[in-house]
Amino acid sequence: MAACLVYVTTSDVEEARTIGRAMVKARLAACANIIPAIHPIFWWEGEVQEGEETLLLLKAAEHLVQALTEAVSRLHSYDCPCVVSIPLTGGNPAFLDWIDAETAGAPSLGN
């Protein structure tokens, strides 16, 4: 099966940890990596703004991206969270198989 990297920005490390843990526990993602202290510059509400965020990278099976996006959005503090999927077109076959195995039969987030 196809795998992807899901790029999510969060307000802080704790929010990234909460969302990442929930996605791994629900098996919507095989792994979550948290990268603290990214510095975005972006348009919001008609003006350029800057801030501090935390980056959450999720490794997931491509067929779970919609469910993962919906679950992240429910837990996220932002009105319009950044949740985007980047297809993985190559890499270590054993690692890609691991992603697939760890997300197989993902139960609902409520379980």
PDB file of N, CA and C in Angstrom:
ATOM      1  N   MET A   1       0.834  -1.194   0.000  1.00  0.00           N
ATOM      2  CA  MET A   1       0.000   0.000   0.000  1.00  0.00           C
ATOM      3  C   MET A   1       0.870   1.246   0.000  1.00  0.00           C
ATOM      4  N   ALA A   2       0.289   2.335  -0.400  1.00  0.00           N
ATOM      5  CA  ALA A   2       1.014   3.600  -0.465  1.00  0.00           C
ATOM      6  C   ALA A   2       1.080   4.246   0.919  1.00  0.00           C
ATOM      7  N   ALA A   3       2.188   4.880   1.184  1.00  0.00           N
ATOM      8  CA  ALA A   3       2.385   5.583   2.456  1.00  0.00           C
ATOM      9  C   ALA A   3       2.542   7.076   2.191  1.00  0.00           C
ATOM     10  N   CYS A   4       2.343   7.870   3.226  1.00  0.00           N
ATOM     11  CA  CYS A   4       2.510   9.314   3.091  1.00  0.00           C
ATOM     12  C   CYS A   4       3.011   9.907   4.393  1.00  0.00           C
ATOM     13  N   LEU A   5       3.490  11.117   4.270  1.00  0.00           N
ATOM     14  CA  LEU A   5       3.909  11.924   5.395  1.00  0.00           C
ATOM     15  C   LEU A   5       2.852  13.010   5.546  1.00  0.00           C
ATOM     16  N   VAL A   6       2.275  13.137   6.723  1.00  0.00           N
ATOM     17  CA  VAL A   6       1.256  14.156   6.958  1.00  0.00           C
ATOM     18  C   VAL A   6       1.888  15.256   7.799  1.00  0.00           C
ATOM     19  N   TYR A   7       1.884  16.453   7.247  1.00  0.00           N
ATOM     20  CA  TYR A   7       2.504  17.646   7.818  1.00  0.00           C
ATOM     21  C   TYR A   7       1.412  18.421   8.552  1.00  0.00           C
ATOM     22  N   VAL A   8       1.611  18.636   9.862  1.00  0.00           N
ATOM     23  CA  VAL A   8       0.632  19.340  10.687  1.00  0.00           C
ATOM     24  C   VAL A   8       1.369  20.385  11.514  1.00  0.00           C
ATOM     25  N   THR A   9       0.880  21.614  11.513  1.00  0.00           N
ATOM     26  CA  THR A   9       1.441  22.614  12.419  1.00  0.00           C
ATOM     27  C   THR A   9       0.510  22.747  13.619  1.00  0.00           C
ATOM     28  N   THR A  10       1.099  22.924  14.794  1.00  0.00           N
ATOM     29  CA  THR A  10       0.330  23.027  16.030  1.00  0.00           C
ATOM     30  C   THR A  10       0.789  24.239  16.826  1.00  0.00           C
ATOM     31  N   SER A  11      -0.005  24.603  17.817  1.00  0.00           N
ATOM     32  CA  SER A  11       0.285  25.803  18.611  1.00  0.00           C
ATOM     33  C   SER A  11       1.504  25.636  19.510  1.00  0.00           C
ATOM     34  N   ASP A  12       1.748  24.412  19.975  1.00  0.00           N
ATOM     35  CA  ASP A  12       2.881  24.180  20.876  1.00  0.00           C
ATOM     36  C   ASP A  12       3.185  22.689  20.963  1.00  0.00           C
ATOM     37  N   VAL A  13       4.230  22.348  21.701  1.00  0.00           N
ATOM     38  CA  VAL A  13       4.672  20.961  21.822  1.00  0.00           C
ATOM     39  C   VAL A  13       3.588  20.100  22.465  1.00  0.00           C
ATOM     40  N   GLU A  14       2.907  20.624  23.459  1.00  0.00           N
ATOM     41  CA  GLU A  14       1.883  19.827  24.144  1.00  0.00           C
ATOM     42  C   GLU A  14       0.738  19.465  23.210  1.00  0.00           C
ATOM     43  N   GLU A  15       0.298  20.416  22.387  1.00  0.00           N
ATOM     44  CA  GLU A  15      -0.764  20.106  21.430  1.00  0.00           C
ATOM     45  C   GLU A  15      -0.275  19.062  20.414  1.00  0.00           C
ATOM     46  N   ALA A  16       0.948  19.209  19.941  1.00  0.00           N
ATOM     47  CA  ALA A  16       1.514  18.233  19.008  1.00  0.00           C
ATOM     48  C   ALA A  16       1.573  16.855  19.649  1.00  0.00           C
ATOM     49  N   ARG A  17       1.987  16.786  20.902  1.00  0.00           N
ATOM     50  CA  ARG A  17       2.077  15.510  21.618  1.00  0.00           C
ATOM     51  C   ARG A  17       0.687  14.881  21.774  1.00  0.00           C
ATOM     52  N   THR A  18      -0.292  15.692  22.151  1.00  0.00           N
ATOM     53  CA  THR A  18      -1.654  15.184  22.336  1.00  0.00           C
ATOM     54  C   THR A  18      -2.211  14.623  21.029  1.00  0.00           C
ATOM     55  N   ILE A  19      -2.069  15.392  19.954  1.00  0.00           N
ATOM     56  CA  ILE A  19      -2.581  14.948  18.655  1.00  0.00           C
ATOM     57  C   ILE A  19      -1.783  13.748  18.143  1.00  0.00           C
ATOM     58  N   GLY A  20      -0.467  13.819  18.219  1.00  0.00           N
ATOM     59  CA  GLY A  20       0.369  12.723  17.739  1.00  0.00           C
ATOM     60  C   GLY A  20       0.082  11.425  18.468  1.00  0.00           C
ATOM     61  N   ARG A  21      -0.010  11.488  19.778  1.00  0.00           N
ATOM     62  CA  ARG A  21      -0.304  10.284  20.566  1.00  0.00           C
ATOM     63  C   ARG A  21      -1.674   9.713  20.193  1.00  0.00           C
ATOM     64  N   ALA A  22      -2.662  10.593  20.033  1.00  0.00           N
ATOM     65  CA  ALA A  22      -4.010  10.130  19.680  1.00  0.00           C
ATOM     66  C   ALA A  22      -4.022   9.453  18.313  1.00  0.00           C
ATOM     67  N   MET A  23      -3.279   9.992  17.343  1.00  0.00           N
ATOM     68  CA  MET A  23      -3.260   9.413  16.007  1.00  0.00           C
ATOM     69  C   MET A  23      -2.549   8.061  16.005  1.00  0.00           C
ATOM     70  N   VAL A  24      -1.465   7.936  16.760  1.00  0.00           N
ATOM     71  CA  VAL A  24      -0.753   6.656  16.837  1.00  0.00           C
ATOM     72  C   VAL A  24      -1.605   5.638  17.599  1.00  0.00           C
ATOM     73  N   LYS A  25      -2.195   6.056  18.714  1.00  0.00           N
ATOM     74  CA  LYS A  25      -3.030   5.151  19.507  1.00  0.00           C
ATOM     75  C   LYS A  25      -4.213   4.635  18.678  1.00  0.00           C
ATOM     76  N   ALA A  26      -4.802   5.494  17.851  1.00  0.00           N
ATOM     77  CA  ALA A  26      -5.925   5.103  16.995  1.00  0.00           C
ATOM     78  C   ALA A  26      -5.458   4.330  15.758  1.00  0.00           C
ATOM     79  N   ARG A  27      -4.155   4.195  15.584  1.00  0.00           N
ATOM     80  CA  ARG A  27      -3.546   3.522  14.424  1.00  0.00           C
ATOM     81  C   ARG A  27      -3.859   4.214  13.108  1.00  0.00           C
ATOM     82  N   LEU A  28      -4.169   5.509  13.190  1.00  0.00           N
ATOM     83  CA  LEU A  28      -4.309   6.313  11.980  1.00  0.00           C
ATOM     84  C   LEU A  28      -2.938   6.746  11.480  1.00  0.00           C
ATOM     85  N   ALA A  29      -1.945   6.679  12.347  1.00  0.00           N
ATOM     86  CA  ALA A  29      -0.552   6.946  11.993  1.00  0.00           C
ATOM     87  C   ALA A  29       0.319   5.895  12.676  1.00  0.00           C
ATOM     88  N   ALA A  30       1.390   5.504  12.012  1.00  0.00           N
ATOM     89  CA  ALA A  30       2.320   4.541  12.590  1.00  0.00           C
ATOM     90  C   ALA A  30       3.307   5.223  13.528  1.00  0.00           C
ATOM     91  N   CYS A  31       3.549   6.505  13.291  1.00  0.00           N
ATOM     92  CA  CYS A  31       4.584   7.228  14.024  1.00  0.00           C
ATOM     93  C   CYS A  31       4.291   8.716  13.983  1.00  0.00           C
ATOM     94  N   ALA A  32       4.669   9.401  15.039  1.00  0.00           N
ATOM     95  CA  ALA A  32       4.570  10.863  15.093  1.00  0.00           C
ATOM     96  C   ALA A  32       5.927  11.425  15.496  1.00  0.00           C
ATOM     97  N   ASN A  33       6.398  12.411  14.763  1.00  0.00           N
ATOM     98  CA  ASN A  33       7.625  13.134  15.114  1.00  0.00           C
ATOM     99  C   ASN A  33       7.256  14.570  15.423  1.00  0.00           C
ATOM    100  N   ILE A  34       7.815  15.094  16.504  1.00  0.00           N
ATOM    101  CA  ILE A  34       7.537  16.464  16.930  1.00  0.00           C
ATOM    102  C   ILE A  34       8.803  17.291  16.785  1.00  0.00           C
ATOM    103  N   ILE A  35       8.680  18.396  16.069  1.00  0.00           N
ATOM    104  CA  ILE A  35       9.801  19.318  15.876  1.00  0.00           C
ATOM    105  C   ILE A  35       9.386  20.654  16.477  1.00  0.00           C
ATOM    106  N   PRO A  36       9.952  21.016  17.631  1.00  0.00           N
ATOM    107  CA  PRO A  36       9.552  22.261  18.284  1.00  0.00           C
ATOM    108  C   PRO A  36      10.136  23.492  17.590  1.00  0.00           C
ATOM    109  N   ALA A  37       9.515  24.611  17.852  1.00  0.00           N
ATOM    110  CA  ALA A  37      10.048  25.928  17.489  1.00  0.00           C
ATOM    111  C   ALA A  37      10.260  26.147  15.998  1.00  0.00           C
ATOM    112  N   ILE A  38       9.196  26.060  15.229  1.00  0.00           N
ATOM    113  CA  ILE A  38       9.263  26.545  13.860  1.00  0.00           C
ATOM    114  C   ILE A  38       8.668  27.957  13.862  1.00  0.00           C
ATOM    115  N   HIS A  39       9.066  28.768  12.918  1.00  0.00           N
ATOM    116  CA  HIS A  39       8.690  30.180  12.915  1.00  0.00           C
ATOM    117  C   HIS A  39       7.971  30.528  11.611  1.00  0.00           C
ATOM    118  N   PRO A  40       6.643  30.450  11.614  1.00  0.00           N
ATOM    119  CA  PRO A  40       5.899  30.738  10.390  1.00  0.00           C
ATOM    120  C   PRO A  40       5.732  32.230  10.126  1.00  0.00           C
ATOM    121  N   ILE A  41       5.672  32.580   8.863  1.00  0.00           N
ATOM    122  CA  ILE A  41       5.293  33.914   8.389  1.00  0.00           C
ATOM    123  C   ILE A  41       4.148  33.666   7.417  1.00  0.00           C
ATOM    124  N   PHE A  42       2.985  34.253   7.659  1.00  0.00           N
ATOM    125  CA  PHE A  42       1.798  33.865   6.906  1.00  0.00           C
ATOM    126  C   PHE A  42       0.759  34.984   6.845  1.00  0.00           C
ATOM    127  N   TRP A  43      -0.121  34.880   5.850  1.00  0.00           N
ATOM    128  CA  TRP A  43      -1.264  35.779   5.757  1.00  0.00           C
ATOM    129  C   TRP A  43      -2.372  35.241   6.638  1.00  0.00           C
ATOM    130  N   TRP A  44      -2.974  36.099   7.471  1.00  0.00           N
ATOM    131  CA  TRP A  44      -4.138  35.716   8.267  1.00  0.00           C
ATOM    132  C   TRP A  44      -4.936  36.969   8.581  1.00  0.00           C
ATOM    133  N   GLU A  45      -6.212  36.895   8.284  1.00  0.00           N
ATOM    134  CA  GLU A  45      -7.123  38.006   8.551  1.00  0.00           C
ATOM    135  C   GLU A  45      -6.636  39.309   7.910  1.00  0.00           C
ATOM    136  N   GLY A  46      -6.169  39.186   6.653  1.00  0.00           N
ATOM    137  CA  GLY A  46      -5.820  40.353   5.866  1.00  0.00           C
ATOM    138  C   GLY A  46      -4.463  40.968   6.110  1.00  0.00           C
ATOM    139  N   GLU A  47      -3.635  40.346   6.915  1.00  0.00           N
ATOM    140  CA  GLU A  47      -2.296  40.909   7.131  1.00  0.00           C
ATOM    141  C   GLU A  47      -1.262  39.817   7.333  1.00  0.00           C
ATOM    142  N   VAL A  48       0.000  40.182   7.088  1.00  0.00           N
ATOM    143  CA  VAL A  48       1.103  39.251   7.291  1.00  0.00           C
ATOM    144  C   VAL A  48       1.383  39.177   8.787  1.00  0.00           C
ATOM    145  N   GLN A  49       1.448  37.939   9.274  1.00  0.00           N
ATOM    146  CA  GLN A  49       1.715  37.713  10.690  1.00  0.00           C
ATOM    147  C   GLN A  49       2.895  36.770  10.848  1.00  0.00           C
ATOM    148  N   GLU A  50       3.463  36.752  12.029  1.00  0.00           N
ATOM    149  CA  GLU A  50       4.536  35.821  12.376  1.00  0.00           C
ATOM    150  C   GLU A  50       4.188  35.190  13.710  1.00  0.00           C
ATOM    151  N   GLY A  51       4.762  34.040  13.959  1.00  0.00           N
ATOM    152  CA  GLY A  51       4.486  33.384  15.223  1.00  0.00           C
ATOM    153  C   GLY A  51       5.482  32.286  15.506  1.00  0.00           C
ATOM    154  N   GLU A  52       5.123  31.469  16.471  1.00  0.00           N
ATOM    155  CA  GLU A  52       5.890  30.269  16.796  1.00  0.00           C
ATOM    156  C   GLU A  52       4.926  29.111  16.810  1.00  0.00           C
ATOM    157  N   GLU A  53       5.337  28.027  16.222  1.00  0.00           N
ATOM    158  CA  GLU A  53       4.526  26.824  16.182  1.00  0.00           C
ATOM    159  C   GLU A  53       5.426  25.611  16.411  1.00  0.00           C
ATOM    160  N   THR A  54       4.779  24.469  16.508  1.00  0.00           N
ATOM    161  CA  THR A  54       5.465  23.186  16.584  1.00  0.00           C
ATOM    162  C   THR A  54       5.017  22.370  15.390  1.00  0.00           C
ATOM    163  N   LEU A  55       5.950  21.674  14.763  1.00  0.00           N
ATOM    164  CA  LEU A  55       5.655  20.840  13.612  1.00  0.00           C
ATOM    165  C   LEU A  55       5.429  19.408  14.063  1.00  0.00           C
ATOM    166  N   LEU A  56       4.343  18.820  13.594  1.00  0.00           N
ATOM    167  CA  LEU A  56       4.029  17.423  13.854  1.00  0.00           C
ATOM    168  C   LEU A  56       4.050  16.699  12.515  1.00  0.00           C
ATOM    169  N   LEU A  57       4.892  15.695  12.383  1.00  0.00           N
ATOM    170  CA  LEU A  57       4.963  14.872  11.181  1.00  0.00           C
ATOM    171  C   LEU A  57       4.413  13.499  11.511  1.00  0.00           C
ATOM    172  N   LEU A  58       3.437  13.065  10.746  1.00  0.00           N
ATOM    173  CA  LEU A  58       2.811  11.761  10.959  1.00  0.00           C
ATOM    174  C   LEU A  58       3.094  10.873   9.761  1.00  0.00           C
ATOM    175  N   LYS A  59       3.465   9.628  10.014  1.00  0.00           N
ATOM    176  CA  LYS A  59       3.660   8.651   8.942  1.00  0.00           C
ATOM    177  C   LYS A  59       2.426   7.778   8.904  1.00  0.00           C
ATOM    178  N   ALA A  60       1.770   7.732   7.747  1.00  0.00           N
ATOM    179  CA  ALA A  60       0.483   7.048   7.658  1.00  0.00           C
ATOM    180  C   ALA A  60       0.313   6.339   6.323  1.00  0.00           C
ATOM    181  N   ALA A  61      -0.633   5.422   6.296  1.00  0.00           N
ATOM    182  CA  ALA A  61      -1.047   4.801   5.041  1.00  0.00           C
ATOM    183  C   ALA A  61      -1.910   5.807   4.291  1.00  0.00           C
ATOM    184  N   GLU A  62      -1.698   5.900   2.999  1.00  0.00           N
ATOM    185  CA  GLU A  62      -2.386   6.912   2.203  1.00  0.00           C
ATOM    186  C   GLU A  62      -3.917   6.806   2.294  1.00  0.00           C
ATOM    187  N   HIS A  63      -4.435   5.594   2.370  1.00  0.00           N
ATOM    188  CA  HIS A  63      -5.888   5.430   2.420  1.00  0.00           C
ATOM    189  C   HIS A  63      -6.508   5.933   3.732  1.00  0.00           C
ATOM    190  N   LEU A  64      -5.684   6.252   4.726  1.00  0.00           N
ATOM    191  CA  LEU A  64      -6.179   6.754   6.010  1.00  0.00           C
ATOM    192  C   LEU A  64      -6.112   8.276   6.132  1.00  0.00           C
ATOM    193  N   VAL A  65      -5.617   8.955   5.101  1.00  0.00           N
ATOM    194  CA  VAL A  65      -5.400  10.402   5.199  1.00  0.00           C
ATOM    195  C   VAL A  65      -6.684  11.167   5.512  1.00  0.00           C
ATOM    196  N   GLN A  66      -7.778  10.831   4.878  1.00  0.00           N
ATOM    197  CA  GLN A  66      -9.023  11.563   5.142  1.00  0.00           C
ATOM    198  C   GLN A  66      -9.462  11.385   6.596  1.00  0.00           C
ATOM    199  N   ALA A  67      -9.460  10.158   7.091  1.00  0.00           N
ATOM    200  CA  ALA A  67      -9.851   9.908   8.485  1.00  0.00           C
ATOM    201  C   ALA A  67      -8.882  10.584   9.443  1.00  0.00           C
ATOM    202  N   LEU A  68      -7.597  10.530   9.136  1.00  0.00           N
ATOM    203  CA  LEU A  68      -6.585  11.166   9.976  1.00  0.00           C
ATOM    204  C   LEU A  68      -6.792  12.683   9.986  1.00  0.00           C
ATOM    205  N   THR A  69      -7.038  13.277   8.836  1.00  0.00           N
ATOM    206  CA  THR A  69      -7.257  14.719   8.742  1.00  0.00           C
ATOM    207  C   THR A  69      -8.469  15.138   9.573  1.00  0.00           C
ATOM    208  N   GLU A  70      -9.539  14.385   9.471  1.00  0.00           N
ATOM    209  CA  GLU A  70     -10.740  14.698  10.256  1.00  0.00           C
ATOM    210  C   GLU A  70     -10.479  14.571  11.748  1.00  0.00           C
ATOM    211  N   ALA A  71      -9.746  13.538  12.158  1.00  0.00           N
ATOM    212  CA  ALA A  71      -9.439  13.338  13.572  1.00  0.00           C
ATOM    213  C   ALA A  71      -8.528  14.443  14.106  1.00  0.00           C
ATOM    214  N   VAL A  72      -7.502  14.806  13.329  1.00  0.00           N
ATOM    215  CA  VAL A  72      -6.614  15.900  13.736  1.00  0.00           C
ATOM    216  C   VAL A  72      -7.420  17.191  13.880  1.00  0.00           C
ATOM    217  N   SER A  73      -8.270  17.477  12.917  1.00  0.00           N
ATOM    218  CA  SER A  73      -9.059  18.713  12.941  1.00  0.00           C
ATOM    219  C   SER A  73      -9.960  18.793  14.166  1.00  0.00           C
ATOM    220  N   ARG A  74     -10.517  17.656  14.593  1.00  0.00           N
ATOM    221  CA  ARG A  74     -11.368  17.643  15.796  1.00  0.00           C
ATOM    222  C   ARG A  74     -10.581  17.981  17.056  1.00  0.00           C
ATOM    223  N   LEU A  75      -9.311  17.564  17.113  1.00  0.00           N
ATOM    224  CA  LEU A  75      -8.490  17.775  18.312  1.00  0.00           C
ATOM    225  C   LEU A  75      -7.726  19.093  18.301  1.00  0.00           C
ATOM    226  N   HIS A  76      -7.629  19.722  17.159  1.00  0.00           N
ATOM    227  CA  HIS A  76      -6.767  20.888  16.963  1.00  0.00           C
ATOM    228  C   HIS A  76      -7.388  22.165  17.503  1.00  0.00           C
ATOM    229  N   SER A  77      -6.556  23.072  17.994  1.00  0.00           N
ATOM    230  CA  SER A  77      -7.039  24.343  18.548  1.00  0.00           C
ATOM    231  C   SER A  77      -7.266  25.419  17.492  1.00  0.00           C
ATOM    232  N   TYR A  78      -6.708  25.253  16.289  1.00  0.00           N
ATOM    233  CA  TYR A  78      -6.836  26.277  15.252  1.00  0.00           C
ATOM    234  C   TYR A  78      -8.180  26.193  14.542  1.00  0.00           C
ATOM    235  N   ASP A  79      -8.671  27.334  14.060  1.00  0.00           N
ATOM    236  CA  ASP A  79      -9.886  27.367  13.245  1.00  0.00           C
ATOM    237  C   ASP A  79      -9.659  26.684  11.898  1.00  0.00           C
ATOM    238  N   CYS A  80      -8.451  26.838  11.361  1.00  0.00           N
ATOM    239  CA  CYS A  80      -8.116  26.296  10.043  1.00  0.00           C
ATOM    240  C   CYS A  80      -6.737  25.626  10.129  1.00  0.00           C
ATOM    241  N   PRO A  81      -6.668  24.426  10.726  1.00  0.00           N
ATOM    242  CA  PRO A  81      -5.351  23.798  10.917  1.00  0.00           C
ATOM    243  C   PRO A  81      -4.713  23.360   9.605  1.00  0.00           C
ATOM    244  N   CYS A  82      -3.410  23.479   9.545  1.00  0.00           N
ATOM    245  CA  CYS A  82      -2.636  22.968   8.416  1.00  0.00           C
ATOM    246  C   CYS A  82      -2.482  21.460   8.607  1.00  0.00           C
ATOM    247  N   VAL A  83      -3.107  20.706   7.735  1.00  0.00           N
ATOM    248  CA  VAL A  83      -2.965  19.251   7.696  1.00  0.00           C
ATOM    249  C   VAL A  83      -2.862  18.893   6.221  1.00  0.00           C
ATOM    250  N   VAL A  84      -1.665  18.565   5.768  1.00  0.00           N
ATOM    251  CA  VAL A  84      -1.463  18.233   4.362  1.00  0.00           C
ATOM    252  C   VAL A  84      -0.686  16.927   4.244  1.00  0.00           C
ATOM    253  N   SER A  85      -0.989  16.194   3.187  1.00  0.00           N
ATOM    254  CA  SER A  85      -0.381  14.896   2.961  1.00  0.00           C
ATOM    255  C   SER A  85       0.617  14.979   1.810  1.00  0.00           C
ATOM    256  N   ILE A  86       1.768  14.371   2.016  1.00  0.00           N
ATOM    257  CA  ILE A  86       2.815  14.311   1.008  1.00  0.00           C
ATOM    258  C   ILE A  86       3.061  12.834   0.697  1.00  0.00           C
ATOM    259  N   PRO A  87       2.778  12.394  -0.525  1.00  0.00           N
ATOM    260  CA  PRO A  87       2.980  10.976  -0.864  1.00  0.00           C
ATOM    261  C   PRO A  87       4.459  10.600  -0.772  1.00  0.00           C
ATOM    262  N   LEU A  88       4.720   9.417  -0.259  1.00  0.00           N
ATOM    263  CA  LEU A  88       6.077   8.879  -0.227  1.00  0.00           C
ATOM    264  C   LEU A  88       6.230   7.991  -1.451  1.00  0.00           C
ATOM    265  N   THR A  89       7.100   8.388  -2.342  1.00  0.00           N
ATOM    266  CA  THR A  89       7.247   7.672  -3.606  1.00  0.00           C
ATOM    267  C   THR A  89       8.426   6.717  -3.602  1.00  0.00           C
ATOM    268  N   GLY A  90       9.138   6.667  -2.517  1.00  0.00           N
ATOM    269  CA  GLY A  90      10.269   5.760  -2.426  1.00  0.00           C
ATOM    270  C   GLY A  90      10.781   5.722  -1.010  1.00  0.00           C
ATOM    271  N   GLY A  91      11.779   4.903  -0.798  1.00  0.00           N
ATOM    272  CA  GLY A  91      12.377   4.799   0.530  1.00  0.00           C
ATOM    273  C   GLY A  91      12.642   3.354   0.901  1.00  0.00           C
ATOM    274  N   ASN A  92      12.972   3.143   2.134  1.00  0.00           N
ATOM    275  CA  ASN A  92      13.275   1.818   2.654  1.00  0.00           C
ATOM    276  C   ASN A  92      12.008   0.961   2.612  1.00  0.00           C
ATOM    277  N   PRO A  93      11.957  -0.072   1.775  1.00  0.00           N
ATOM    278  CA  PRO A  93      10.750  -0.893   1.670  1.00  0.00           C
ATOM    279  C   PRO A  93      10.308  -1.482   3.015  1.00  0.00           C
ATOM    280  N   ALA A  94      11.258  -1.866   3.849  1.00  0.00           N
ATOM    281  CA  ALA A  94      10.907  -2.432   5.154  1.00  0.00           C
ATOM    282  C   ALA A  94      10.198  -1.390   6.026  1.00  0.00           C
ATOM    283  N   PHE A  95      10.652  -0.143   5.971  1.00  0.00           N
ATOM    284  CA  PHE A  95      10.013   0.921   6.747  1.00  0.00           C
ATOM    285  C   PHE A  95       8.617   1.209   6.211  1.00  0.00           C
ATOM    286  N   LEU A  96       8.470   1.274   4.898  1.00  0.00           N
ATOM    287  CA  LEU A  96       7.158   1.516   4.297  1.00  0.00           C
ATOM    288  C   LEU A  96       6.197   0.380   4.623  1.00  0.00           C
ATOM    289  N   ASP A  97       6.689  -0.856   4.642  1.00  0.00           N
ATOM    290  CA  ASP A  97       5.864  -1.994   5.047  1.00  0.00           C
ATOM    291  C   ASP A  97       5.462  -1.877   6.512  1.00  0.00           C
ATOM    292  N   TRP A  98       6.364  -1.381   7.354  1.00  0.00           N
ATOM    293  CA  TRP A  98       6.065  -1.187   8.775  1.00  0.00           C
ATOM    294  C   TRP A  98       4.922  -0.188   8.957  1.00  0.00           C
ATOM    295  N   ILE A  99       4.950   0.924   8.221  1.00  0.00           N
ATOM    296  CA  ILE A  99       3.861   1.899   8.287  1.00  0.00           C
ATOM    297  C   ILE A  99       2.543   1.212   7.962  1.00  0.00           C
ATOM    298  N   ASP A 100       2.540   0.443   6.899  1.00  0.00           N
ATOM    299  CA  ASP A 100       1.329  -0.254   6.474  1.00  0.00           C
ATOM    300  C   ASP A 100       0.854  -1.232   7.556  1.00  0.00           C
ATOM    301  N   ALA A 101       1.768  -1.999   8.116  1.00  0.00           N
ATOM    302  CA  ALA A 101       1.402  -2.987   9.130  1.00  0.00           C
ATOM    303  C   ALA A 101       0.853  -2.334  10.396  1.00  0.00           C
ATOM    304  N   GLU A 102       1.448  -1.226  10.810  1.00  0.00           N
ATOM    305  CA  GLU A 102       1.042  -0.583  12.055  1.00  0.00           C
ATOM    306  C   GLU A 102      -0.277   0.178  11.940  1.00  0.00           C
ATOM    307  N   THR A 103      -0.709   0.465  10.716  1.00  0.00           N
ATOM    308  CA  THR A 103      -1.971   1.193  10.530  1.00  0.00           C
ATOM    309  C   THR A 103      -3.065   0.299   9.954  1.00  0.00           C
ATOM    310  N   ALA A 104      -2.775  -0.969   9.768  1.00  0.00           N
ATOM    311  CA  ALA A 104      -3.767  -1.899   9.208  1.00  0.00           C
ATOM    312  C   ALA A 104      -4.947  -2.029  10.164  1.00  0.00           C
ATOM    313  N   GLY A 105      -6.141  -1.937   9.634  1.00  0.00           N
ATOM    314  CA  GLY A 105      -7.337  -2.107  10.445  1.00  0.00           C
ATOM    315  C   GLY A 105      -7.506  -1.041  11.502  1.00  0.00           C
ATOM    316  N   ALA A 106      -7.152   0.193  11.170  1.00  0.00           N
ATOM    317  CA  ALA A 106      -7.241   1.303  12.138  1.00  0.00           C
ATOM    318  C   ALA A 106      -8.642   1.391  12.727  1.00  0.00           C
ATOM    319  N   PRO A 107      -8.774   1.252  14.062  1.00  0.00           N
ATOM    320  CA  PRO A 107     -10.081   1.430  14.694  1.00  0.00           C
ATOM    321  C   PRO A 107     -10.436   2.912  14.744  1.00  0.00           C
ATOM    322  N   SER A 108     -11.655   3.204  15.098  1.00  0.00           N
ATOM    323  CA  SER A 108     -12.057   4.605  15.195  1.00  0.00           C
ATOM    324  C   SER A 108     -11.330   5.278  16.353  1.00  0.00           C
ATOM    325  N   LEU A 109     -11.249   6.598  16.307  1.00  0.00           N
ATOM    326  CA  LEU A 109     -10.546   7.369  17.331  1.00  0.00           C
ATOM    327  C   LEU A 109     -11.180   7.165  18.701  1.00  0.00           C
ATOM    328  N   GLY A 110     -12.457   6.905  18.753  1.00  0.00           N
ATOM    329  CA  GLY A 110     -13.145   6.741  20.029  1.00  0.00           C
ATOM    330  C   GLY A 110     -12.853   5.441  20.733  1.00  0.00           C
ATOM    331  N   ASN A 111     -12.235   4.490  20.058  1.00  0.00           N
ATOM    332  CA  ASN A 111     -11.968   3.180  20.681  1.00  0.00           C
ATOM    333  C   ASN A 111     -10.692   3.169  21.463  1.00  0.00           C
TER     334      ASN A 111
END
